[in-house]
Amino acid sequence: MDWINHLQTEVEDDIIFTDATTRLAYSFDATPNYQAMPDAVVAPRSTKDVQAIMRICHTYRVPVIPRGSATNLAGGTTPLAGGVVLDFRHLDKILEIDEKNLTVTVEPGCITGRLIEAVEAKGLFYPPDPSSMKISTIGGNISENSGGLRGLKYGVTADYVLALEAVLPNGEILKTGGKLAKDVAGYDLTRLLVGSEGTLAVITKATLKLIPLPETKQTMLAHFSDLDGAARTVSRIIESRIIPVTLEFMDKKTIEVVEAYANIGLPTDVGALLLLEQDGPSEVVHRDIEAMHAICLAEGASFVEVARDELHAETLRYARRTALSALARLRPTTILEDATVPRSEIAEMVRRIEAIGRKYRIEIATFGHAGDGNLHPTVATDARDHEEMERVEAAFADIFAAALELGGTITGEHGVGAMKAPYLEWKLGASGIDVMKGIKLAFDPYGIMNPQKMFAKAAKKRLVQGGGV
């Protein structure tokens, strides 16, 4: 290919991979049923490398797919149109921890968990903690606007991105933001790039906000015989003006599977579990834990367990973080989705998910971030069973429709990618899609940036209550 020959004259040959084995390894991400071979994989060592790659791809109209650790769950890093996958394995440095301005500057391939450990060693705190943080990258977190277990109190990735360096499709560098508490000069391009899923530009550097490391933290697990008691507890805690750092939910099916996998002593005879944590000054943590303990019991908790020490607390957190891994053991294919509803609608949403599972004769386990209404209905299936996969797809369409009907959204943190592109118009409407297409055209006139993501060829028909279209 002419463009590969040209590329080999512009960057070092040892960062370009065209062999079939490497290309196969980059043909899929963590999303089932989305796979396509790239024409090449390139692992740039510098922003200049990225600029050279982008200029050539722009000239030859070659698709570019930025990729971190490929933990994406919406088909967002699959090279569906071929082209070049950009692997940021070499751009993985923590460039600066600025203790005067409480910021950290990193390259996109930096592993999230490594960043968190590095700043905590200096008594600082980077709150976003996606469940994949031990392997996911900051660049991927920014592209997807990732959340995490601490999102209720501290927010998501977008709340901590202060500045970005990005390479535009034509190879030019765009710099946004800075180490500033305030900046309203023009459109907020930083926020625009966060969550853009690689469809606008290639992020090559990020400056992130840090906060002081909380003084103390305490963890608690509450057992409920039924879903409604757990949902009422979530609402009561928020109504009581308590904002815990973590307020996580697991349904009965998830509990059973996690316990079979991890064998950590979870009760399998309960209807739901809530994982609750609070951090901050010790007196505040003690007060809030006592108050939440009382609320759990008042709303019907059969047992409330406060972690004895940090090791015990980590065991309780592990139960929630390992949910996907545990469910993935059940069958060859695991489809984990996310839909978000107002907190007051959590119980109703889970009931609807259960009814949808019965309707389509599939078993759905549900867990997630109860404190911010973000639920993860998960199906263990087999992609080789085409009839069952059709039922699974129909079930998730009903789940997205139910979330929207309850005032929610089709994705709270996993992004749109290829999987949810046909449903995006349900949330934004045709005019919203047109505005997004206009923004995309301004950044990427030739459509080379992560094509076939975010924008579907056609929206899915949405069935409304009563069966109409």
Protein backbone atom coordinates (compact mmCIF):
# COMPACT_ATOMS: atom_id res chain seq x y z
CA MET A 1 0.00 0.00 0.00
CA ASP A 2 1.33 3.43 -0.94
CA TRP A 3 0.41 4.97 2.38
CA ILE A 4 2.28 2.31 4.35
CA ASN A 5 5.35 2.86 2.21
CA HIS A 6 5.04 6.59 2.83
CA LEU A 7 4.60 5.99 6.56
CA GLN A 8 7.77 3.92 6.67
CA THR A 9 9.73 6.90 5.33
CA GLU A 10 8.33 9.27 8.00
CA VAL A 11 8.56 7.25 11.24
CA GLU A 12 10.86 4.54 12.52
CA ASP A 13 10.08 1.21 10.92
CA ASP A 14 10.14 -0.65 14.26
CA ILE A 15 6.91 1.02 15.43
CA ILE A 16 4.92 -0.13 12.37
CA PHE A 17 3.38 -3.61 12.41
CA THR A 18 1.65 -5.16 9.41
CA ASP A 19 2.00 -8.88 10.14
CA ALA A 20 -1.22 -10.86 10.42
CA THR A 21 -0.65 -11.98 14.02
CA THR A 22 -0.28 -8.45 15.37
CA ARG A 23 -3.17 -7.16 13.30
CA LEU A 24 -5.39 -9.97 14.59
CA ALA A 25 -4.57 -9.02 18.19
CA TYR A 26 -5.80 -5.48 17.48
CA SER A 27 -8.93 -6.51 15.59
CA PHE A 28 -11.21 -6.55 18.66
CA ASP A 29 -11.69 -5.01 22.09
CA ALA A 30 -13.63 -6.18 25.17
CA THR A 31 -16.95 -5.99 23.29
CA PRO A 32 -18.36 -9.29 21.96
CA ASN A 33 -19.26 -9.59 18.27
CA TYR A 34 -17.31 -6.58 16.98
CA GLN A 35 -14.15 -7.53 15.10
CA ALA A 36 -12.35 -6.33 11.97
CA MET A 37 -8.73 -6.45 10.87
CA PRO A 38 -6.72 -3.22 10.73
CA ASP A 39 -4.30 -2.71 7.86
CA ALA A 40 -1.51 -1.74 10.25
CA VAL A 41 -0.74 -1.08 13.91
CA VAL A 42 1.54 1.83 14.78
CA ALA A 43 2.97 2.52 18.25
CA PRO A 44 4.14 6.17 18.23
CA ARG A 45 6.92 7.25 20.58
CA SER A 46 6.21 10.99 20.49
CA THR A 47 3.69 13.63 19.54
CA LYS A 48 5.79 14.23 16.41
CA ASP A 49 5.26 10.60 15.43
CA VAL A 50 1.50 11.06 15.88
CA GLN A 51 1.60 14.20 13.72
CA ALA A 52 3.43 12.38 10.93
CA ILE A 53 1.00 9.46 11.07
CA MET A 54 -2.02 11.77 10.99
CA ARG A 55 -0.73 13.82 8.07
CA ILE A 56 -0.21 10.69 5.97
CA CYS A 57 -3.56 9.18 6.93
CA HIS A 58 -5.26 12.49 6.17
CA THR A 59 -3.61 12.64 2.75
CA TYR A 60 -4.52 9.05 1.82
CA ARG A 61 -7.92 9.08 3.63
CA VAL A 62 -6.87 6.18 5.89
CA PRO A 63 -8.98 5.50 9.01
CA VAL A 64 -7.27 6.06 12.39
CA ILE A 65 -8.40 4.28 15.55
CA PRO A 66 -6.74 5.47 18.81
CA ARG A 67 -6.53 2.61 21.31
CA GLY A 68 -5.41 2.22 24.91
CA SER A 69 -5.82 -1.13 26.68
CA ALA A 70 -8.98 -2.00 24.70
CA THR A 71 -11.18 -2.50 27.77
CA ASN A 72 -13.90 -0.69 25.82
CA LEU A 73 -17.35 -2.27 26.16
CA ALA A 74 -19.18 -0.57 23.27
CA GLY A 75 -17.06 -1.62 20.29
CA GLY A 76 -15.38 1.77 20.39
CA THR A 77 -11.81 0.68 19.60
CA THR A 78 -12.49 -1.88 16.88
CA PRO A 79 -11.13 -1.02 13.38
CA LEU A 80 -14.40 -1.64 11.57
CA ALA A 81 -13.24 0.22 8.45
CA GLY A 82 -9.65 -1.09 8.53
CA GLY A 83 -6.90 1.52 8.61
CA VAL A 84 -4.37 2.23 11.37
CA VAL A 85 -4.72 1.35 15.02
CA LEU A 86 -2.64 3.71 17.19
CA ASP A 87 -1.18 1.86 20.17
CA PHE A 88 0.06 4.17 22.96
CA ARG A 89 2.26 1.64 24.74
CA HIS A 90 5.30 3.97 24.44
CA LEU A 91 3.43 7.17 25.41
CA ASP A 92 2.77 6.05 28.96
CA LYS A 93 4.75 8.44 31.17
CA ILE A 94 3.74 10.51 34.16
CA LEU A 95 5.41 13.73 33.04
CA GLU A 96 4.86 15.91 36.10
CA ILE A 97 3.18 15.94 39.48
CA ASP A 98 2.77 19.63 40.29
CA GLU A 99 2.19 19.91 44.04
CA LYS A 100 1.93 23.71 43.89
CA ASN A 101 -0.99 23.69 41.46
CA LEU A 102 -2.36 20.25 42.45
CA THR A 103 -2.13 18.81 38.94
CA VAL A 104 -0.59 15.83 37.20
CA THR A 105 0.40 15.75 33.54
CA VAL A 106 0.49 12.40 31.79
CA GLU A 107 0.72 10.77 28.39
CA PRO A 108 -2.35 8.91 27.13
CA GLY A 109 -0.96 5.39 27.60
CA CYS A 110 -0.44 5.83 31.33
CA ILE A 111 -2.29 3.13 33.29
CA THR A 112 -4.95 4.69 35.52
CA GLY A 113 -4.09 2.62 38.59
CA ARG A 114 -0.40 3.54 38.29
CA LEU A 115 -1.29 7.23 38.18
CA ILE A 116 -3.49 6.86 41.26
CA GLU A 117 -0.70 5.11 43.20
CA ALA A 118 1.88 7.73 42.17
CA VAL A 119 -0.13 10.72 43.35
CA GLU A 120 -1.30 9.02 46.55
CA ALA A 121 2.36 8.45 47.45
CA LYS A 122 2.58 12.25 47.63
CA GLY A 123 -0.58 12.62 49.71
CA LEU A 124 -2.71 13.61 46.71
CA PHE A 125 -5.81 12.06 45.21
CA TYR A 126 -7.10 11.39 41.69
CA PRO A 127 -10.68 10.18 42.32
CA PRO A 128 -11.90 8.59 39.02
CA ASP A 129 -11.60 4.81 39.51
CA PRO A 130 -13.11 2.73 36.71
CA SER A 131 -13.32 -0.96 37.56
CA SER A 132 -10.72 -1.57 34.84
CA MET A 133 -8.27 0.92 36.37
CA LYS A 134 -5.50 -1.66 36.80
CA ILE A 135 -5.28 -2.03 33.03
CA SER A 136 -7.20 0.87 31.45
CA THR A 137 -5.33 3.98 30.31
CA ILE A 138 -5.89 7.65 30.99
CA GLY A 139 -6.32 8.28 27.26
CA GLY A 140 -9.05 5.68 27.12
CA ASN A 141 -10.70 7.08 30.26
CA ILE A 142 -10.73 10.54 28.71
CA SER A 143 -12.07 9.28 25.38
CA GLU A 144 -14.95 7.51 27.14
CA ASN A 145 -15.38 9.96 30.04
CA SER A 146 -15.11 6.99 32.39
CA GLY A 147 -16.75 6.86 35.78
CA GLY A 148 -16.13 4.49 38.66
CA LEU A 149 -17.16 3.46 42.15
CA ARG A 150 -16.27 6.90 43.57
CA GLY A 151 -18.34 8.79 41.00
CA LEU A 152 -21.24 9.65 43.31
CA LYS A 153 -19.15 11.91 45.53
CA TYR A 154 -16.31 12.91 43.22
CA GLY A 155 -17.71 12.85 39.70
CA VAL A 156 -16.24 11.37 36.52
CA THR A 157 -13.14 11.84 34.39
CA ALA A 158 -14.42 15.06 32.77
CA ASP A 159 -14.47 16.74 36.18
CA TYR A 160 -10.68 16.35 36.46
CA VAL A 161 -9.40 17.15 32.97
CA LEU A 162 -7.90 20.65 32.98
CA ALA A 163 -5.90 20.70 29.75
CA LEU A 164 -5.27 18.56 26.70
CA GLU A 165 -2.78 18.35 23.88
CA ALA A 166 -4.30 16.68 20.84
CA VAL A 167 -3.33 16.11 17.24
CA LEU A 168 -6.01 16.98 14.71
CA PRO A 169 -6.69 14.75 11.68
CA ASN A 170 -4.55 17.00 9.46
CA GLY A 171 -1.57 16.70 11.82
CA GLU A 172 -1.88 20.09 13.49
CA ILE A 173 -1.60 20.35 17.28
CA LEU A 174 -4.51 21.63 19.34
CA LYS A 175 -3.88 22.73 22.94
CA THR A 176 -6.80 23.36 25.26
CA GLY A 177 -7.15 24.58 28.83
CA GLY A 178 -4.34 24.90 31.36
CA LYS A 179 -3.49 24.68 35.06
CA LEU A 180 -6.32 27.06 35.81
CA ALA A 181 -9.23 27.19 38.21
CA LYS A 182 -11.11 29.44 35.78
CA ASP A 183 -11.02 29.72 32.00
CA VAL A 184 -13.96 30.87 29.85
CA ALA A 185 -12.01 31.96 26.79
CA GLY A 186 -14.09 30.65 23.89
CA TYR A 187 -15.77 27.28 23.51
CA ASP A 188 -14.81 24.65 26.06
CA LEU A 189 -12.81 22.47 23.68
CA THR A 190 -11.40 20.42 26.56
CA ARG A 191 -14.86 19.25 27.52
CA LEU A 192 -15.69 18.63 23.88
CA LEU A 193 -12.77 16.23 23.44
CA VAL A 194 -13.54 14.38 26.69
CA GLY A 195 -15.99 11.64 25.80
CA SER A 196 -15.54 12.08 22.04
CA GLU A 197 -14.41 8.43 21.72
CA GLY A 198 -11.54 9.14 19.34
CA THR A 199 -13.83 10.57 16.67
CA LEU A 200 -12.38 14.11 16.67
CA ALA A 201 -8.65 14.07 17.45
CA VAL A 202 -5.83 12.04 19.00
CA ILE A 203 -5.04 12.99 22.61
CA THR A 204 -1.28 13.02 23.26
CA LYS A 205 -1.06 14.70 26.68
CA ALA A 206 -3.43 15.49 29.55
CA THR A 207 -3.21 17.68 32.63
CA LEU A 208 -5.50 16.44 35.39
CA LYS A 209 -6.76 18.03 38.59
CA LEU A 210 -5.75 16.52 41.93
CA ILE A 211 -7.21 17.03 45.40
CA PRO A 212 -5.83 16.31 48.87
CA LEU A 213 -5.93 12.65 49.86
CA PRO A 214 -8.86 12.06 52.26
CA GLU A 215 -7.81 11.64 55.86
CA THR A 216 -9.76 8.45 56.55
CA LYS A 217 -12.13 6.02 54.88
CA GLN A 218 -14.60 3.44 56.16
CA THR A 219 -16.47 0.69 54.32
CA MET A 220 -19.75 -1.07 55.04
CA LEU A 221 -21.85 -3.84 53.44
CA ALA A 222 -25.63 -4.05 53.96
CA HIS A 223 -27.75 -7.17 53.26
CA PHE A 224 -31.35 -6.81 52.06
CA SER A 225 -33.98 -9.48 51.57
CA ASP A 226 -35.51 -7.59 48.67
CA LEU A 227 -34.65 -5.01 46.06
CA ASP A 228 -37.07 -2.36 47.29
CA GLY A 229 -35.39 -2.08 50.69
CA ALA A 230 -32.03 -1.46 49.05
CA ALA A 231 -33.53 1.14 46.69
CA ARG A 232 -35.31 2.94 49.54
CA THR A 233 -32.02 3.03 51.45
CA VAL A 234 -30.24 4.72 48.55
CA SER A 235 -32.94 7.41 48.36
CA ARG A 236 -33.00 7.92 52.15
CA ILE A 237 -29.23 8.36 52.34
CA ILE A 238 -29.23 11.06 49.66
CA GLU A 239 -32.32 12.74 51.15
CA SER A 240 -30.43 12.86 54.47
CA ARG A 241 -27.80 15.08 52.78
CA ILE A 242 -25.16 12.35 53.00
CA ILE A 243 -23.06 11.92 49.87
CA PRO A 244 -21.01 8.75 50.34
CA VAL A 245 -17.92 8.17 48.26
CA THR A 246 -19.32 4.80 47.16
CA LEU A 247 -22.88 3.47 47.06
CA GLU A 248 -22.89 0.29 44.97
CA PHE A 249 -25.57 -2.29 44.28
CA MET A 250 -25.57 -6.01 43.44
CA ASP A 251 -28.66 -8.11 42.78
CA LYS A 252 -29.15 -11.71 43.88
CA LYS A 253 -27.84 -13.28 40.67
CA THR A 254 -24.67 -11.19 40.76
CA ILE A 255 -24.08 -12.03 44.42
CA GLU A 256 -24.39 -15.76 43.76
CA VAL A 257 -22.00 -15.68 40.82
CA VAL A 258 -19.41 -13.48 42.58
CA GLU A 259 -19.41 -15.69 45.66
CA ALA A 260 -19.01 -18.85 43.57
CA TYR A 261 -16.06 -17.18 41.83
CA ALA A 262 -14.31 -15.40 44.71
CA ASN A 263 -15.43 -17.43 47.77
CA ILE A 264 -15.16 -14.43 50.09
CA GLY A 265 -18.17 -15.09 52.30
CA LEU A 266 -20.92 -13.13 50.58
CA PRO A 267 -24.45 -14.15 51.64
CA THR A 268 -26.27 -15.93 48.82
CA ASP A 269 -29.67 -15.99 50.51
CA VAL A 270 -30.33 -12.24 50.18
CA GLY A 271 -32.08 -10.25 47.47
CA ALA A 272 -29.56 -7.41 47.20
CA LEU A 273 -26.37 -5.99 48.68
CA LEU A 274 -25.28 -2.39 49.07
CA LEU A 275 -21.59 -1.49 49.36
CA LEU A 276 -21.22 1.85 51.13
CA GLU A 277 -18.10 3.90 51.78
CA GLN A 278 -17.34 7.32 53.16
CA ASP A 279 -14.09 9.25 53.30
CA GLY A 280 -12.90 12.55 54.73
CA PRO A 281 -12.13 13.84 58.23
CA SER A 282 -12.47 11.05 60.79
CA GLU A 283 -15.31 12.70 62.70
CA VAL A 284 -17.33 13.17 59.48
CA VAL A 285 -16.70 9.61 58.36
CA HIS A 286 -17.71 8.20 61.76
CA ARG A 287 -20.88 10.34 61.81
CA ASP A 288 -21.93 9.42 58.26
CA ILE A 289 -21.22 5.70 58.67
CA GLU A 290 -23.34 5.63 61.84
CA ALA A 291 -26.16 7.49 60.09
CA MET A 292 -26.07 5.21 57.03
CA HIS A 293 -25.95 2.15 59.29
CA ALA A 294 -29.15 3.33 60.99
CA ILE A 295 -30.86 4.09 57.67
CA CYS A 296 -30.03 0.62 56.33
CA LEU A 297 -31.59 -1.04 59.38
CA ALA A 298 -34.61 1.26 59.28
CA GLU A 299 -35.27 0.32 55.65
CA GLY A 300 -35.15 -3.40 56.31
CA ALA A 301 -31.52 -4.48 56.11
CA SER A 302 -31.17 -7.91 57.70
CA PHE A 303 -27.49 -7.35 58.51
CA VAL A 304 -25.01 -4.47 58.26
CA GLU A 305 -21.30 -5.24 58.34
CA VAL A 306 -18.71 -2.50 58.94
CA ALA A 307 -15.22 -3.38 57.71
CA ARG A 308 -12.85 -4.20 60.56
CA ASP A 309 -9.78 -2.86 58.81
CA GLU A 310 -8.47 -1.91 55.37
CA LEU A 311 -7.84 -5.53 54.39
CA HIS A 312 -11.46 -6.40 55.16
CA ALA A 313 -12.63 -3.27 53.32
CA GLU A 314 -10.63 -4.24 50.25
CA THR A 315 -12.27 -7.68 50.29
CA LEU A 316 -15.70 -6.02 50.25
CA ARG A 317 -14.67 -3.71 47.39
CA TYR A 318 -13.24 -6.66 45.52
CA ALA A 319 -16.65 -8.31 45.59
CA ARG A 320 -18.09 -5.43 43.58
CA ARG A 321 -15.11 -4.89 41.28
CA THR A 322 -14.93 -8.55 40.33
CA ALA A 323 -18.57 -8.81 39.22
CA LEU A 324 -17.81 -8.75 35.49
CA SER A 325 -14.98 -11.28 35.80
CA ALA A 326 -17.23 -13.61 37.76
CA LEU A 327 -20.10 -13.35 35.30
CA ALA A 328 -17.72 -13.90 32.38
CA ARG A 329 -17.02 -17.44 33.66
CA LEU A 330 -20.59 -18.59 33.10
CA ARG A 331 -20.70 -18.84 29.30
CA PRO A 332 -18.47 -18.08 26.29
CA THR A 333 -19.86 -14.58 25.68
CA THR A 334 -20.56 -11.88 28.26
CA ILE A 335 -22.40 -8.69 27.33
CA LEU A 336 -22.24 -6.00 29.99
CA GLU A 337 -24.31 -2.89 29.30
CA ASP A 338 -24.96 0.32 31.15
CA ALA A 339 -28.06 2.43 31.44
CA THR A 340 -28.66 5.28 33.85
CA VAL A 341 -31.89 6.42 35.49
CA PRO A 342 -32.69 8.93 38.24
CA ARG A 343 -31.88 7.43 41.64
CA SER A 344 -35.57 7.38 42.54
CA GLU A 345 -36.22 4.99 39.65
CA ILE A 346 -33.57 2.36 40.46
CA ALA A 347 -36.01 -0.20 41.90
CA GLU A 348 -38.43 0.26 39.01
CA MET A 349 -35.60 -0.04 36.47
CA VAL A 350 -34.33 -3.28 38.01
CA ARG A 351 -37.88 -4.66 38.04
CA ARG A 352 -38.20 -3.81 34.35
CA ILE A 353 -34.87 -5.47 33.61
CA GLU A 354 -36.09 -8.62 35.36
CA ALA A 355 -39.35 -8.54 33.36
CA ILE A 356 -37.42 -8.05 30.11
CA GLY A 357 -35.28 -11.06 30.96
CA ARG A 358 -38.39 -13.18 31.42
CA LYS A 359 -39.91 -11.82 28.19
CA TYR A 360 -36.88 -12.86 26.13
CA ARG A 361 -36.06 -16.02 28.13
CA ILE A 362 -32.60 -14.87 29.16
CA GLU A 363 -31.00 -14.48 32.57
CA ILE A 364 -29.84 -10.95 33.38
CA ALA A 365 -27.65 -10.10 36.36
CA THR A 366 -27.68 -6.45 37.45
CA PHE A 367 -25.14 -4.50 39.48
CA GLY A 368 -23.80 -0.98 39.38
CA HIS A 369 -23.51 2.47 40.85
CA ALA A 370 -26.79 2.82 42.74
CA GLY A 371 -25.80 6.20 44.13
CA ASP A 372 -25.83 7.82 40.70
CA GLY A 373 -28.44 5.57 39.09
CA ASN A 374 -25.99 3.86 36.74
CA LEU A 375 -26.87 0.16 36.42
CA HIS A 376 -25.05 -2.60 34.53
CA PRO A 377 -27.42 -5.29 33.27
CA THR A 378 -25.25 -8.21 32.18
CA VAL A 379 -26.07 -11.30 30.10
CA ALA A 380 -23.98 -14.45 29.87
CA THR A 381 -24.67 -15.94 26.45
CA ASP A 382 -22.97 -17.56 23.46
CA ALA A 383 -22.31 -15.55 20.30
CA ARG A 384 -22.49 -18.77 18.27
CA ASP A 385 -26.16 -19.19 19.17
CA HIS A 386 -27.65 -16.74 16.69
CA GLU A 387 -31.23 -17.19 17.82
CA GLU A 388 -30.35 -16.45 21.43
CA MET A 389 -28.21 -13.47 20.40
CA GLU A 390 -31.22 -12.01 18.59
CA ARG A 391 -33.19 -12.28 21.82
CA VAL A 392 -30.34 -10.69 23.78
CA GLU A 393 -30.15 -7.76 21.35
CA ALA A 394 -33.91 -7.26 21.52
CA ALA A 395 -33.75 -7.36 25.33
CA PHE A 396 -31.12 -4.63 25.47
CA ALA A 397 -33.14 -2.48 23.09
CA ASP A 398 -36.04 -2.78 25.53
CA ILE A 399 -33.71 -1.93 28.43
CA PHE A 400 -32.51 1.25 26.71
CA ALA A 401 -36.09 2.23 25.93
CA ALA A 402 -37.11 1.63 29.55
CA ALA A 403 -34.24 3.77 30.84
CA LEU A 404 -35.26 6.65 28.57
CA GLU A 405 -38.91 6.29 29.57
CA LEU A 406 -37.88 6.65 33.23
CA GLY A 407 -35.96 9.85 32.49
CA GLY A 408 -32.58 8.21 32.02
CA THR A 409 -30.07 7.63 29.25
CA ILE A 410 -28.68 4.79 27.11
CA THR A 411 -25.16 5.00 28.56
CA GLY A 412 -23.77 6.46 31.75
CA GLU A 413 -20.08 5.64 31.34
CA HIS A 414 -19.32 3.01 28.68
CA GLY A 415 -19.85 5.32 25.73
CA VAL A 416 -21.67 4.88 22.42
CA GLY A 417 -19.06 3.29 20.15
CA ALA A 418 -20.46 0.98 17.49
CA MET A 419 -22.78 -0.99 19.76
CA LYS A 420 -25.03 1.89 20.84
CA ALA A 421 -24.75 4.09 17.76
CA PRO A 422 -28.14 2.90 16.43
CA TYR A 423 -29.77 3.99 19.70
CA LEU A 424 -28.16 7.42 20.09
CA GLU A 425 -30.95 9.22 18.24
CA TRP A 426 -33.41 7.87 20.80
CA LYS A 427 -31.65 10.03 23.38
CA LEU A 428 -30.61 13.09 21.34
CA GLY A 429 -33.24 13.29 18.63
CA ALA A 430 -32.50 13.95 14.96
CA SER A 431 -31.52 17.57 15.63
CA GLY A 432 -28.98 16.50 18.25
CA ILE A 433 -27.41 14.03 15.82
CA ASP A 434 -27.21 16.77 13.15
CA VAL A 435 -25.40 19.12 15.55
CA MET A 436 -22.91 16.39 16.44
CA LYS A 437 -22.32 15.61 12.76
CA GLY A 438 -21.57 19.29 12.17
CA ILE A 439 -18.95 19.27 14.93
CA LYS A 440 -17.46 16.06 13.55
CA LEU A 441 -17.22 17.61 10.06
CA ALA A 442 -15.42 20.69 11.40
CA PHE A 443 -12.75 18.56 13.08
CA ASP A 444 -12.58 15.69 10.64
CA PRO A 445 -13.77 16.64 7.12
CA TYR A 446 -12.64 13.34 5.58
CA GLY A 447 -14.16 11.18 8.32
CA ILE A 448 -10.96 9.28 9.11
CA MET A 449 -11.21 9.46 12.91
CA ASN A 450 -12.57 6.19 14.33
CA PRO A 451 -15.21 5.73 11.63
CA GLN A 452 -18.47 3.82 12.16
CA LYS A 453 -18.55 4.87 15.81
CA MET A 454 -21.11 7.18 17.43
CA PHE A 455 -22.98 7.77 14.15
CA ALA A 456 -25.14 4.93 12.82
CA LYS A 457 -26.20 4.51 9.20
CA ALA A 458 -29.76 4.46 10.52
CA ALA A 459 -31.37 4.72 13.93
CA LYS A 460 -33.12 1.71 15.39
CA LYS A 461 -36.90 1.84 15.39
CA ARG A 462 -37.99 2.51 18.94
CA LEU A 463 -40.94 0.57 20.28
CA VAL A 464 -42.92 2.63 22.75
CA GLN A 465 -45.20 1.36 25.48
CA GLY A 466 -48.21 -0.26 23.94
CA GLY A 467 -46.28 -1.68 20.98
CA GLY A 468 -46.31 1.28 18.60
CA VAL A 469 -43.33 2.60 16.71
